[in-house]
């Protein structure tokens, strides 16, 4: 059996991933202000110096955690819907339930997203960096939607970036409401039922127009 050697690059990647995973839990539990770099490093099994070898400061680490969470949510959404089959993205009830499960159903992710929003509000100097990150996240989601909508023969009536921005902003509200409102998931599905046909055209919208 051949054992793969741990190159310096792989070691650095492993260390960075461990620090992000540790920071994710500490930030979700204690918030940005309450989180200690010493606690994060200790929980990951490293020293504080290891953090500074990978991140400029606590804020840089916080943004890295947010990036990792965004990627995880989208990956979980795709896997849960089994989109490789290309057959379920147009099921708004399933899409709403799956998205809520990935975001609102994970208390740690929900807490991190809320903490990140509060951090932006309290630190106006960081809003430009936050806006850049959100634009990148929208571009990722737009690319995701473009790929799978194309498989379903669906074309957007307006720029996909606009659709994505509306969906993500709406999602923020429904996810927040889901913490106290048991009907939030059904309301989100109803919103998708109304919104998606208004911004796309494809097999389903064509069928509706020619069914009379």
N, C-alpha and C. Protein backbone atom coordinates (compact mmCIF):
# COMPACT_ATOMS: atom_id res chain seq x y z
N UNK A 1 0.84 -1.19 0.00
CA UNK A 1 0.00 0.00 0.00
C UNK A 1 0.88 1.24 0.00
N UNK A 2 0.64 2.14 -0.94
CA UNK A 2 1.43 3.37 -1.04
C UNK A 2 0.81 4.46 -0.19
N UNK A 3 1.62 5.06 0.67
CA UNK A 3 1.15 6.14 1.53
C UNK A 3 1.56 7.46 0.90
N UNK A 4 0.58 8.31 0.65
CA UNK A 4 0.86 9.61 0.03
C UNK A 4 1.58 10.52 1.01
N UNK A 5 2.63 11.17 0.52
CA UNK A 5 3.43 12.04 1.39
C UNK A 5 2.69 13.34 1.68
N UNK A 6 2.88 13.82 2.90
CA UNK A 6 2.30 15.11 3.28
C UNK A 6 3.25 16.21 2.83
N UNK A 7 2.90 16.86 1.74
CA UNK A 7 3.72 17.96 1.24
C UNK A 7 3.45 19.19 2.10
N UNK A 8 4.36 20.19 2.07
CA UNK A 8 4.11 21.44 2.82
C UNK A 8 2.79 22.08 2.43
N UNK A 9 2.43 22.00 1.15
CA UNK A 9 1.18 22.60 0.70
C UNK A 9 -0.03 21.90 1.32
N UNK A 10 0.04 20.57 1.39
CA UNK A 10 -1.07 19.81 1.98
C UNK A 10 -1.18 20.07 3.48
N UNK A 11 -0.04 20.20 4.12
CA UNK A 11 -0.06 20.51 5.56
C UNK A 11 -0.67 21.88 5.82
N UNK A 12 -0.32 22.83 4.99
CA UNK A 12 -0.88 24.18 5.14
C UNK A 12 -2.38 24.17 4.89
N UNK A 13 -2.80 23.41 3.88
CA UNK A 13 -4.23 23.31 3.57
C UNK A 13 -4.99 22.68 4.73
N UNK A 14 -4.41 21.62 5.31
CA UNK A 14 -5.05 20.96 6.44
C UNK A 14 -5.14 21.89 7.64
N UNK A 15 -4.06 22.62 7.91
CA UNK A 15 -4.07 23.56 9.04
C UNK A 15 -5.12 24.64 8.84
N UNK A 16 -5.17 25.20 7.64
CA UNK A 16 -6.13 26.25 7.35
C UNK A 16 -7.57 25.75 7.52
N UNK A 17 -7.84 24.55 7.02
CA UNK A 17 -9.18 23.98 7.13
C UNK A 17 -9.55 23.74 8.59
N UNK A 18 -8.59 23.27 9.39
CA UNK A 18 -8.85 23.02 10.80
C UNK A 18 -9.14 24.31 11.55
N UNK A 19 -8.41 25.37 11.22
CA UNK A 19 -8.63 26.66 11.87
C UNK A 19 -10.00 27.23 11.50
N UNK A 20 -10.39 27.09 10.25
CA UNK A 20 -11.71 27.58 9.82
C UNK A 20 -12.82 26.81 10.52
N UNK A 21 -12.66 25.49 10.63
CA UNK A 21 -13.67 24.67 11.29
C UNK A 21 -13.80 25.05 12.76
N UNK A 22 -12.68 25.27 13.41
CA UNK A 22 -12.70 25.68 14.82
C UNK A 22 -13.32 27.06 14.98
N UNK A 23 -12.90 27.98 14.11
CA UNK A 23 -13.42 29.36 14.18
C UNK A 23 -14.92 29.38 13.94
N UNK A 24 -15.38 28.54 13.06
CA UNK A 24 -16.82 28.48 12.76
C UNK A 24 -17.61 28.20 14.03
N UNK A 25 -17.18 27.23 14.80
CA UNK A 25 -17.90 26.87 16.03
C UNK A 25 -17.80 27.99 17.07
N UNK A 26 -16.61 28.54 17.24
CA UNK A 26 -16.42 29.58 18.25
C UNK A 26 -17.19 30.85 17.88
N UNK A 27 -17.14 31.26 16.62
CA UNK A 27 -17.88 32.45 16.20
C UNK A 27 -19.38 32.25 16.38
N UNK A 28 -19.87 31.06 16.05
CA UNK A 28 -21.31 30.79 16.18
C UNK A 28 -21.73 30.79 17.64
N UNK A 29 -20.84 30.33 18.51
CA UNK A 29 -21.18 30.21 19.94
C UNK A 29 -21.00 31.52 20.68
N UNK A 30 -19.92 32.23 20.40
CA UNK A 30 -19.58 33.43 21.18
C UNK A 30 -19.75 34.74 20.42
N UNK A 31 -20.00 34.66 19.12
CA UNK A 31 -20.08 35.87 18.33
C UNK A 31 -18.70 36.38 17.97
N UNK A 32 -18.64 37.34 17.05
CA UNK A 32 -17.34 37.84 16.60
C UNK A 32 -16.57 38.50 17.74
N UNK A 33 -17.23 39.39 18.46
CA UNK A 33 -16.55 40.13 19.53
C UNK A 33 -16.12 39.21 20.66
N UNK A 34 -16.93 38.22 20.97
CA UNK A 34 -16.61 37.34 22.09
C UNK A 34 -15.62 36.25 21.75
N UNK A 35 -15.37 36.02 20.47
CA UNK A 35 -14.46 34.97 20.05
C UNK A 35 -13.01 35.37 20.32
N UNK A 36 -12.25 34.44 20.82
CA UNK A 36 -10.83 34.65 21.10
C UNK A 36 -9.98 33.85 20.13
N UNK A 37 -8.95 34.49 19.57
CA UNK A 37 -8.06 33.77 18.67
C UNK A 37 -7.33 32.65 19.39
N UNK A 38 -7.02 32.87 20.65
CA UNK A 38 -6.38 31.81 21.43
C UNK A 38 -7.30 30.60 21.57
N UNK A 39 -8.58 30.86 21.83
CA UNK A 39 -9.54 29.77 21.96
C UNK A 39 -9.70 29.02 20.64
N UNK A 40 -9.78 29.78 19.53
CA UNK A 40 -9.92 29.16 18.21
C UNK A 40 -8.72 28.28 17.90
N UNK A 41 -7.52 28.82 18.13
CA UNK A 41 -6.30 28.06 17.83
C UNK A 41 -6.19 26.83 18.72
N UNK A 42 -6.51 26.98 19.99
CA UNK A 42 -6.40 25.86 20.93
C UNK A 42 -7.37 24.74 20.56
N UNK A 43 -8.60 25.12 20.19
CA UNK A 43 -9.60 24.11 19.82
C UNK A 43 -9.19 23.35 18.57
N UNK A 44 -8.43 24.01 17.69
CA UNK A 44 -7.98 23.36 16.46
C UNK A 44 -6.69 22.57 16.66
N UNK A 45 -6.08 22.74 17.83
CA UNK A 45 -4.84 22.02 18.11
C UNK A 45 -3.60 22.74 17.64
N UNK A 46 -3.69 24.07 17.50
CA UNK A 46 -2.56 24.86 17.05
C UNK A 46 -2.32 26.04 17.99
N UNK A 47 -1.28 26.80 17.72
CA UNK A 47 -1.00 28.00 18.49
C UNK A 47 -1.61 29.21 17.79
N UNK A 48 -1.67 30.31 18.49
CA UNK A 48 -2.19 31.55 17.90
C UNK A 48 -1.38 31.95 16.67
N UNK A 49 -0.09 31.65 16.71
CA UNK A 49 0.76 32.00 15.58
C UNK A 49 0.33 31.34 14.29
N UNK A 50 -0.26 30.14 14.39
CA UNK A 50 -0.72 29.44 13.19
C UNK A 50 -1.81 30.23 12.48
N UNK A 51 -2.63 30.92 13.25
CA UNK A 51 -3.69 31.73 12.64
C UNK A 51 -3.08 32.84 11.80
N UNK A 52 -2.06 33.50 12.34
CA UNK A 52 -1.46 34.62 11.62
C UNK A 52 -0.63 34.18 10.42
N UNK A 53 -0.30 32.90 10.34
CA UNK A 53 0.37 32.40 9.15
C UNK A 53 -0.60 32.18 8.00
N UNK A 54 -1.89 32.12 8.33
CA UNK A 54 -2.89 31.87 7.30
C UNK A 54 -3.88 33.03 7.12
N UNK A 55 -4.04 33.86 8.14
CA UNK A 55 -5.02 34.94 8.08
C UNK A 55 -4.40 36.22 8.64
N UNK A 56 -4.79 37.35 8.05
CA UNK A 56 -4.22 38.64 8.47
C UNK A 56 -4.64 39.00 9.90
N UNK A 57 -5.88 38.66 10.26
CA UNK A 57 -6.41 39.01 11.57
C UNK A 57 -7.71 38.24 11.80
N UNK A 58 -8.38 38.53 12.90
CA UNK A 58 -9.62 37.81 13.22
C UNK A 58 -10.70 38.07 12.18
N UNK A 59 -10.74 39.27 11.67
CA UNK A 59 -11.73 39.60 10.66
C UNK A 59 -11.53 38.79 9.39
N UNK A 60 -10.27 38.65 8.99
CA UNK A 60 -9.95 37.86 7.79
C UNK A 60 -10.41 36.41 7.98
N UNK A 61 -10.20 35.88 9.16
CA UNK A 61 -10.65 34.53 9.48
C UNK A 61 -12.17 34.45 9.45
N UNK A 62 -12.84 35.48 9.93
CA UNK A 62 -14.30 35.54 9.95
C UNK A 62 -14.85 35.48 8.53
N UNK A 63 -14.24 36.21 7.61
CA UNK A 63 -14.68 36.19 6.22
C UNK A 63 -14.43 34.82 5.59
N UNK A 64 -13.32 34.18 5.97
CA UNK A 64 -13.03 32.84 5.46
C UNK A 64 -14.08 31.84 5.92
N UNK A 65 -14.53 31.98 7.15
CA UNK A 65 -15.60 31.12 7.67
C UNK A 65 -16.88 31.35 6.87
N UNK A 66 -17.19 32.61 6.60
CA UNK A 66 -18.40 32.92 5.83
C UNK A 66 -18.33 32.31 4.43
N UNK A 67 -17.17 32.41 3.79
CA UNK A 67 -17.00 31.80 2.46
C UNK A 67 -17.23 30.29 2.52
N UNK A 68 -16.65 29.65 3.53
CA UNK A 68 -16.77 28.20 3.67
C UNK A 68 -18.23 27.79 3.89
N UNK A 69 -18.96 28.56 4.69
CA UNK A 69 -20.36 28.25 4.95
C UNK A 69 -21.20 28.41 3.68
N UNK A 70 -20.94 29.48 2.92
CA UNK A 70 -21.69 29.69 1.67
C UNK A 70 -21.49 28.51 0.72
N UNK A 71 -20.25 28.04 0.60
CA UNK A 71 -19.96 26.91 -0.27
C UNK A 71 -20.65 25.64 0.24
N UNK A 72 -20.62 25.44 1.55
CA UNK A 72 -21.24 24.24 2.14
C UNK A 72 -22.74 24.22 1.90
N UNK A 73 -23.40 25.37 2.05
CA UNK A 73 -24.84 25.43 1.86
C UNK A 73 -25.22 25.08 0.43
N UNK A 74 -24.51 25.65 -0.54
CA UNK A 74 -24.82 25.38 -1.93
C UNK A 74 -24.55 23.92 -2.29
N UNK A 75 -23.46 23.38 -1.79
CA UNK A 75 -23.14 21.96 -2.05
C UNK A 75 -24.21 21.05 -1.44
N UNK A 76 -24.64 21.37 -0.22
CA UNK A 76 -25.67 20.56 0.44
C UNK A 76 -26.99 20.64 -0.32
N UNK A 77 -27.31 21.82 -0.81
CA UNK A 77 -28.54 22.02 -1.57
C UNK A 77 -28.53 21.16 -2.84
N UNK A 78 -27.40 21.19 -3.56
CA UNK A 78 -27.30 20.42 -4.80
C UNK A 78 -27.36 18.92 -4.52
N UNK A 79 -26.65 18.49 -3.48
CA UNK A 79 -26.63 17.06 -3.16
C UNK A 79 -27.99 16.56 -2.70
N UNK A 80 -28.67 17.35 -1.89
CA UNK A 80 -29.96 16.93 -1.36
C UNK A 80 -31.00 16.78 -2.47
N UNK A 81 -30.95 17.67 -3.42
CA UNK A 81 -31.92 17.60 -4.52
C UNK A 81 -31.52 16.59 -5.58
N UNK A 82 -30.29 16.06 -5.47
CA UNK A 82 -29.79 15.11 -6.46
C UNK A 82 -29.90 15.70 -7.86
N UNK A 83 -29.31 16.88 -8.00
CA UNK A 83 -29.46 17.62 -9.25
C UNK A 83 -28.71 17.00 -10.42
N UNK A 84 -27.88 16.02 -10.17
CA UNK A 84 -27.22 15.37 -11.29
C UNK A 84 -28.25 14.76 -12.23
N UNK A 85 -29.40 14.41 -11.67
CA UNK A 85 -30.46 13.85 -12.50
C UNK A 85 -31.20 14.94 -13.27
N UNK A 86 -31.03 16.19 -12.84
CA UNK A 86 -31.65 17.32 -13.53
C UNK A 86 -33.15 17.27 -13.57
N UNK A 87 -33.78 16.81 -12.50
CA UNK A 87 -35.23 16.60 -12.59
C UNK A 87 -36.03 17.27 -11.49
N UNK A 88 -35.39 17.93 -10.54
CA UNK A 88 -36.16 18.40 -9.40
C UNK A 88 -36.01 19.89 -9.11
N UNK A 89 -35.19 20.61 -9.88
CA UNK A 89 -34.98 22.01 -9.57
C UNK A 89 -36.25 22.84 -9.77
N UNK A 90 -37.18 22.34 -10.61
CA UNK A 90 -38.40 23.08 -10.87
C UNK A 90 -39.51 22.73 -9.88
N UNK A 91 -39.22 21.93 -8.87
CA UNK A 91 -40.18 21.60 -7.83
C UNK A 91 -39.98 22.61 -6.70
N UNK A 92 -40.81 23.65 -6.68
CA UNK A 92 -40.60 24.75 -5.73
C UNK A 92 -40.78 24.33 -4.28
N UNK A 93 -41.70 23.40 -4.04
CA UNK A 93 -41.92 22.93 -2.66
C UNK A 93 -40.67 22.21 -2.15
N UNK A 94 -40.12 21.36 -3.00
CA UNK A 94 -38.92 20.63 -2.61
C UNK A 94 -37.73 21.57 -2.48
N UNK A 95 -37.63 22.51 -3.41
CA UNK A 95 -36.52 23.47 -3.37
C UNK A 95 -36.57 24.30 -2.09
N UNK A 96 -37.77 24.77 -1.72
CA UNK A 96 -37.92 25.58 -0.51
C UNK A 96 -37.56 24.77 0.73
N UNK A 97 -38.06 23.54 0.80
CA UNK A 97 -37.79 22.70 1.96
C UNK A 97 -36.31 22.39 2.08
N UNK A 98 -35.67 22.12 0.95
CA UNK A 98 -34.25 21.77 0.96
C UNK A 98 -33.40 22.97 1.36
N UNK A 99 -33.74 24.14 0.83
CA UNK A 99 -32.97 25.35 1.16
C UNK A 99 -33.12 25.69 2.64
N UNK A 100 -34.34 25.61 3.15
CA UNK A 100 -34.57 25.89 4.56
C UNK A 100 -33.82 24.91 5.45
N UNK A 101 -33.78 23.66 5.04
CA UNK A 101 -33.06 22.65 5.81
C UNK A 101 -31.57 22.97 5.84
N UNK A 102 -31.03 23.40 4.70
CA UNK A 102 -29.60 23.68 4.60
C UNK A 102 -29.19 24.92 5.38
N UNK A 103 -30.08 25.91 5.46
CA UNK A 103 -29.73 27.18 6.11
C UNK A 103 -30.40 27.33 7.47
N UNK A 104 -31.72 27.41 7.47
CA UNK A 104 -32.44 27.63 8.73
C UNK A 104 -32.38 26.41 9.63
N UNK A 105 -32.30 25.22 9.05
CA UNK A 105 -32.30 24.00 9.86
C UNK A 105 -30.99 23.73 10.56
N UNK A 106 -29.93 24.40 10.14
CA UNK A 106 -28.62 24.26 10.77
C UNK A 106 -28.41 25.46 11.68
N UNK A 107 -28.55 25.26 12.99
CA UNK A 107 -28.49 26.38 13.93
C UNK A 107 -27.15 27.10 13.89
N UNK A 108 -26.09 26.35 13.68
CA UNK A 108 -24.76 26.98 13.64
C UNK A 108 -24.63 27.89 12.42
N UNK A 109 -25.09 27.41 11.26
CA UNK A 109 -25.04 28.24 10.07
C UNK A 109 -25.94 29.46 10.22
N UNK A 110 -27.12 29.26 10.77
CA UNK A 110 -28.03 30.38 10.98
C UNK A 110 -27.39 31.42 11.89
N UNK A 111 -26.78 30.97 12.99
CA UNK A 111 -26.13 31.89 13.93
C UNK A 111 -24.98 32.64 13.27
N UNK A 112 -24.20 31.95 12.45
CA UNK A 112 -23.08 32.59 11.76
C UNK A 112 -23.57 33.65 10.78
N UNK A 113 -24.60 33.34 10.02
CA UNK A 113 -25.14 34.32 9.07
C UNK A 113 -25.67 35.55 9.80
N UNK A 114 -26.35 35.32 10.92
CA UNK A 114 -26.86 36.44 11.70
C UNK A 114 -25.71 37.27 12.27
N UNK A 115 -24.70 36.60 12.79
CA UNK A 115 -23.54 37.29 13.34
C UNK A 115 -22.80 38.10 12.26
N UNK A 116 -22.73 37.53 11.06
CA UNK A 116 -22.07 38.24 9.98
C UNK A 116 -22.84 39.49 9.59
N UNK A 117 -24.17 39.41 9.58
CA UNK A 117 -24.99 40.59 9.28
C UNK A 117 -24.80 41.66 10.35
N UNK A 118 -24.76 41.25 11.60
CA UNK A 118 -24.55 42.21 12.69
C UNK A 118 -23.17 42.85 12.59
N UNK A 119 -22.18 42.06 12.20
CA UNK A 119 -20.82 42.58 12.08
C UNK A 119 -20.76 43.66 10.99
N UNK A 120 -21.42 43.42 9.87
CA UNK A 120 -21.46 44.42 8.80
C UNK A 120 -22.13 45.71 9.29
N UNK A 121 -23.22 45.56 10.03
CA UNK A 121 -23.95 46.72 10.52
C UNK A 121 -23.10 47.55 11.48
N UNK A 122 -22.34 46.86 12.33
CA UNK A 122 -21.55 47.55 13.35
C UNK A 122 -20.21 48.07 12.84
N UNK A 123 -19.81 47.63 11.66
CA UNK A 123 -18.51 48.02 11.12
C UNK A 123 -18.67 48.52 9.68
N UNK A 124 -19.13 49.76 9.53
CA UNK A 124 -19.37 50.30 8.18
C UNK A 124 -18.14 50.27 7.28
N UNK A 125 -16.94 50.32 7.88
CA UNK A 125 -15.72 50.32 7.06
C UNK A 125 -15.53 49.00 6.32
N UNK A 126 -16.20 47.95 6.78
CA UNK A 126 -16.07 46.64 6.17
C UNK A 126 -17.19 46.33 5.19
N UNK A 127 -18.09 47.28 4.99
CA UNK A 127 -19.24 47.00 4.14
C UNK A 127 -18.84 46.79 2.68
N UNK A 128 -17.78 47.46 2.23
CA UNK A 128 -17.34 47.27 0.85
C UNK A 128 -16.82 45.84 0.64
N UNK A 129 -16.03 45.35 1.60
CA UNK A 129 -15.55 43.97 1.50
C UNK A 129 -16.72 42.99 1.58
N UNK A 130 -17.67 43.29 2.44
CA UNK A 130 -18.84 42.42 2.55
C UNK A 130 -19.65 42.41 1.26
N UNK A 131 -19.76 43.59 0.65
CA UNK A 131 -20.50 43.69 -0.62
C UNK A 131 -19.81 42.90 -1.71
N UNK A 132 -18.47 42.93 -1.74
CA UNK A 132 -17.72 42.15 -2.72
C UNK A 132 -17.96 40.66 -2.52
N UNK A 133 -17.96 40.25 -1.26
CA UNK A 133 -18.19 38.84 -0.97
C UNK A 133 -19.59 38.41 -1.39
N UNK A 134 -20.55 39.28 -1.14
CA UNK A 134 -21.94 38.94 -1.50
C UNK A 134 -22.10 38.87 -3.02
N UNK A 135 -21.41 39.76 -3.74
CA UNK A 135 -21.45 39.70 -5.20
C UNK A 135 -20.85 38.39 -5.71
N UNK A 136 -19.77 37.97 -5.10
CA UNK A 136 -19.14 36.71 -5.49
C UNK A 136 -20.07 35.53 -5.20
N UNK A 137 -20.76 35.60 -4.05
CA UNK A 137 -21.69 34.52 -3.71
C UNK A 137 -22.86 34.49 -4.69
N UNK A 138 -23.34 35.68 -5.07
CA UNK A 138 -24.43 35.73 -6.05
C UNK A 138 -23.98 35.15 -7.39
N UNK A 139 -22.74 35.45 -7.79
CA UNK A 139 -22.23 34.93 -9.06
C UNK A 139 -22.15 33.41 -9.02
N UNK A 140 -21.76 32.87 -7.87
CA UNK A 140 -21.68 31.41 -7.73
C UNK A 140 -23.07 30.79 -7.85
N UNK A 141 -24.04 31.38 -7.15
CA UNK A 141 -25.41 30.85 -7.19
C UNK A 141 -25.99 31.01 -8.59
N UNK A 142 -25.70 32.14 -9.25
CA UNK A 142 -26.21 32.37 -10.60
C UNK A 142 -25.66 31.32 -11.57
N UNK A 143 -24.37 30.99 -11.43
CA UNK A 143 -23.77 29.97 -12.28
C UNK A 143 -24.42 28.61 -12.04
N UNK A 144 -24.69 28.33 -10.77
CA UNK A 144 -25.36 27.09 -10.38
C UNK A 144 -26.74 26.99 -11.03
N UNK A 145 -27.51 28.08 -10.94
CA UNK A 145 -28.86 28.10 -11.49
C UNK A 145 -28.83 28.01 -13.02
N UNK A 146 -27.88 28.71 -13.63
CA UNK A 146 -27.79 28.71 -15.09
C UNK A 146 -27.57 27.30 -15.62
N UNK A 147 -26.69 26.55 -14.96
CA UNK A 147 -26.37 25.20 -15.39
C UNK A 147 -27.59 24.28 -15.32
N UNK A 148 -28.29 24.30 -14.20
CA UNK A 148 -29.39 23.36 -14.02
C UNK A 148 -30.68 23.81 -14.69
N UNK A 149 -30.90 25.10 -14.79
CA UNK A 149 -32.07 25.56 -15.54
C UNK A 149 -31.90 25.22 -17.02
N UNK A 150 -30.66 25.30 -17.52
CA UNK A 150 -30.42 24.95 -18.93
C UNK A 150 -30.76 23.48 -19.18
N UNK A 151 -30.44 22.62 -18.20
CA UNK A 151 -30.76 21.20 -18.35
C UNK A 151 -32.27 20.97 -18.41
N UNK A 152 -33.03 21.86 -17.77
CA UNK A 152 -34.48 21.73 -17.75
C UNK A 152 -35.14 22.50 -18.90
N UNK A 153 -34.33 23.14 -19.73
CA UNK A 153 -34.87 23.91 -20.84
C UNK A 153 -35.51 25.20 -20.41
N UNK A 154 -35.02 25.76 -19.30
CA UNK A 154 -35.58 27.00 -18.75
C UNK A 154 -34.64 28.16 -19.06
N UNK A 155 -35.21 29.27 -19.53
CA UNK A 155 -34.41 30.46 -19.82
C UNK A 155 -34.94 31.65 -19.02
N UNK A 156 -34.05 32.45 -18.44
CA UNK A 156 -34.51 33.60 -17.66
C UNK A 156 -35.01 34.74 -18.55
N UNK A 157 -36.04 35.44 -18.10
CA UNK A 157 -36.57 36.59 -18.83
C UNK A 157 -35.78 37.86 -18.50
N UNK A 158 -35.15 37.88 -17.34
CA UNK A 158 -34.34 39.01 -16.90
C UNK A 158 -32.96 38.48 -16.54
N UNK A 159 -31.96 39.34 -16.39
CA UNK A 159 -30.61 38.85 -16.08
C UNK A 159 -30.61 37.92 -14.87
N UNK A 160 -29.87 36.83 -15.01
CA UNK A 160 -29.83 35.83 -13.95
C UNK A 160 -29.26 36.40 -12.66
N UNK A 161 -28.35 37.36 -12.78
CA UNK A 161 -27.79 37.99 -11.59
C UNK A 161 -28.88 38.72 -10.79
N UNK A 162 -29.83 39.31 -11.50
CA UNK A 162 -30.94 40.00 -10.83
C UNK A 162 -31.84 39.00 -10.12
N UNK A 163 -32.15 37.90 -10.80
CA UNK A 163 -32.97 36.85 -10.19
C UNK A 163 -32.30 36.32 -8.93
N UNK A 164 -31.01 36.06 -9.03
CA UNK A 164 -30.26 35.53 -7.89
C UNK A 164 -30.28 36.49 -6.72
N UNK A 165 -30.07 37.78 -7.00
CA UNK A 165 -30.06 38.78 -5.93
C UNK A 165 -31.40 38.82 -5.21
N UNK A 166 -32.48 38.78 -5.97
CA UNK A 166 -33.82 38.80 -5.36
C UNK A 166 -34.04 37.55 -4.51
N UNK A 167 -33.66 36.40 -5.05
CA UNK A 167 -33.87 35.15 -4.33
C UNK A 167 -33.07 35.11 -3.03
N UNK A 168 -31.82 35.55 -3.07
CA UNK A 168 -31.00 35.51 -1.86
C UNK A 168 -31.50 36.50 -0.82
N UNK A 169 -31.92 37.69 -1.26
CA UNK A 169 -32.46 38.66 -0.30
C UNK A 169 -33.76 38.16 0.31
N UNK A 170 -34.61 37.58 -0.52
CA UNK A 170 -35.86 37.02 -0.01
C UNK A 170 -35.57 35.87 0.95
N UNK A 171 -34.61 35.03 0.59
CA UNK A 171 -34.24 33.90 1.43
C UNK A 171 -33.80 34.37 2.81
N UNK A 172 -33.02 35.46 2.86
CA UNK A 172 -32.57 35.97 4.16
C UNK A 172 -33.76 36.23 5.09
N UNK A 173 -34.81 36.84 4.53
CA UNK A 173 -35.98 37.14 5.34
C UNK A 173 -36.73 35.89 5.78
N UNK A 174 -36.93 34.96 4.87
CA UNK A 174 -37.66 33.73 5.21
C UNK A 174 -36.88 32.87 6.19
N UNK A 175 -35.56 32.82 6.03
CA UNK A 175 -34.73 32.03 6.95
C UNK A 175 -34.80 32.61 8.35
N UNK A 176 -34.74 33.93 8.45
CA UNK A 176 -34.84 34.57 9.75
C UNK A 176 -36.21 34.31 10.37
N UNK A 177 -37.26 34.42 9.57
CA UNK A 177 -38.62 34.20 10.07
C UNK A 177 -38.82 32.77 10.52
N UNK A 178 -38.12 31.83 9.88
CA UNK A 178 -38.31 30.41 10.19
C UNK A 178 -37.94 30.07 11.63
N UNK A 179 -37.15 30.92 12.27
CA UNK A 179 -36.76 30.65 13.65
C UNK A 179 -37.93 30.84 14.63
N UNK A 180 -38.94 31.60 14.20
CA UNK A 180 -40.08 31.86 15.10
C UNK A 180 -41.43 31.58 14.44
N UNK A 181 -41.43 31.34 13.12
CA UNK A 181 -42.68 31.16 12.38
C UNK A 181 -42.67 29.80 11.69
N UNK A 182 -43.53 28.90 12.14
CA UNK A 182 -43.57 27.55 11.58
C UNK A 182 -44.04 27.53 10.14
N UNK A 183 -44.68 28.61 9.70
CA UNK A 183 -45.20 28.67 8.34
C UNK A 183 -44.20 29.25 7.34
N UNK A 184 -43.02 29.64 7.80
CA UNK A 184 -42.06 30.32 6.93
C UNK A 184 -41.67 29.49 5.71
N UNK A 185 -41.50 28.19 5.89
CA UNK A 185 -41.11 27.34 4.76
C UNK A 185 -42.20 27.30 3.70
N UNK A 186 -43.46 27.14 4.13
CA UNK A 186 -44.57 27.13 3.17
C UNK A 186 -44.70 28.47 2.47
N UNK A 187 -44.46 29.55 3.21
CA UNK A 187 -44.54 30.88 2.63
C UNK A 187 -43.42 31.09 1.60
N UNK A 188 -42.25 30.55 1.88
CA UNK A 188 -41.15 30.65 0.94
C UNK A 188 -41.48 29.88 -0.34
N UNK A 189 -42.07 28.69 -0.19
CA UNK A 189 -42.47 27.91 -1.35
C UNK A 189 -43.52 28.66 -2.18
N UNK A 190 -44.46 29.31 -1.51
CA UNK A 190 -45.48 30.09 -2.21
C UNK A 190 -44.83 31.26 -2.95
N UNK A 191 -43.87 31.88 -2.31
CA UNK A 191 -43.13 32.97 -2.96
C UNK A 191 -42.46 32.46 -4.24
N UNK A 192 -41.83 31.28 -4.18
CA UNK A 192 -41.19 30.70 -5.36
C UNK A 192 -42.22 30.37 -6.44
N UNK A 193 -43.38 29.87 -6.02
CA UNK A 193 -44.45 29.57 -6.98
C UNK A 193 -44.86 30.81 -7.77
N UNK A 194 -44.86 31.95 -7.10
CA UNK A 194 -45.25 33.20 -7.74
C UNK A 194 -44.11 33.84 -8.52
N UNK A 195 -42.93 33.76 -7.95
CA UNK A 195 -41.78 34.48 -8.51
C UNK A 195 -41.16 33.79 -9.72
N UNK A 196 -40.91 32.49 -9.62
CA UNK A 196 -40.18 31.78 -10.68
C UNK A 196 -40.88 31.89 -12.04
N UNK A 197 -42.19 31.62 -12.14
CA UNK A 197 -42.83 31.74 -13.46
C UNK A 197 -42.76 33.16 -14.03
N UNK A 198 -42.66 34.16 -13.14
CA UNK A 198 -42.63 35.55 -13.61
C UNK A 198 -41.29 35.92 -14.22
N UNK A 199 -40.22 35.17 -13.90
CA UNK A 199 -38.89 35.56 -14.37
C UNK A 199 -38.27 34.53 -15.30
N UNK A 200 -38.99 33.46 -15.62
CA UNK A 200 -38.42 32.44 -16.50
C UNK A 200 -39.42 32.04 -17.55
N UNK A 201 -38.89 31.46 -18.60
CA UNK A 201 -39.74 30.86 -19.61
C UNK A 201 -39.11 29.56 -20.07
N UNK A 202 -39.95 28.57 -20.29
CA UNK A 202 -39.44 27.26 -20.65
C UNK A 202 -40.59 26.31 -20.89
N UNK A 203 -40.35 25.01 -20.75
CA UNK A 203 -41.39 24.02 -21.03
C UNK A 203 -42.67 24.24 -20.25
N UNK A 204 -42.54 24.60 -18.96
CA UNK A 204 -43.74 24.72 -18.13
C UNK A 204 -44.55 25.96 -18.49
N UNK A 205 -43.85 27.11 -18.64
CA UNK A 205 -44.58 28.33 -18.99
C UNK A 205 -45.19 28.20 -20.39
N UNK A 206 -44.48 27.52 -21.31
CA UNK A 206 -45.00 27.34 -22.67
C UNK A 206 -46.26 26.48 -22.64
N UNK A 207 -46.24 25.41 -21.85
CA UNK A 207 -47.40 24.54 -21.73
C UNK A 207 -48.61 25.30 -21.24
N UNK A 208 -48.38 26.21 -20.26
CA UNK A 208 -49.48 26.97 -19.70
C UNK A 208 -50.08 27.91 -20.74
N UNK A 209 -49.22 28.50 -21.59
CA UNK A 209 -49.73 29.46 -22.58
C UNK A 209 -50.51 28.78 -23.70
N UNK A 210 -50.22 27.51 -23.98
CA UNK A 210 -50.86 26.84 -25.12
C UNK A 210 -51.88 25.79 -24.71
N UNK A 211 -52.30 25.81 -23.45
CA UNK A 211 -53.21 24.76 -22.98
C UNK A 211 -54.66 25.07 -23.23
N UNK A 212 -54.97 26.31 -23.63
CA UNK A 212 -56.39 26.66 -23.86
C UNK A 212 -56.91 26.06 -25.15
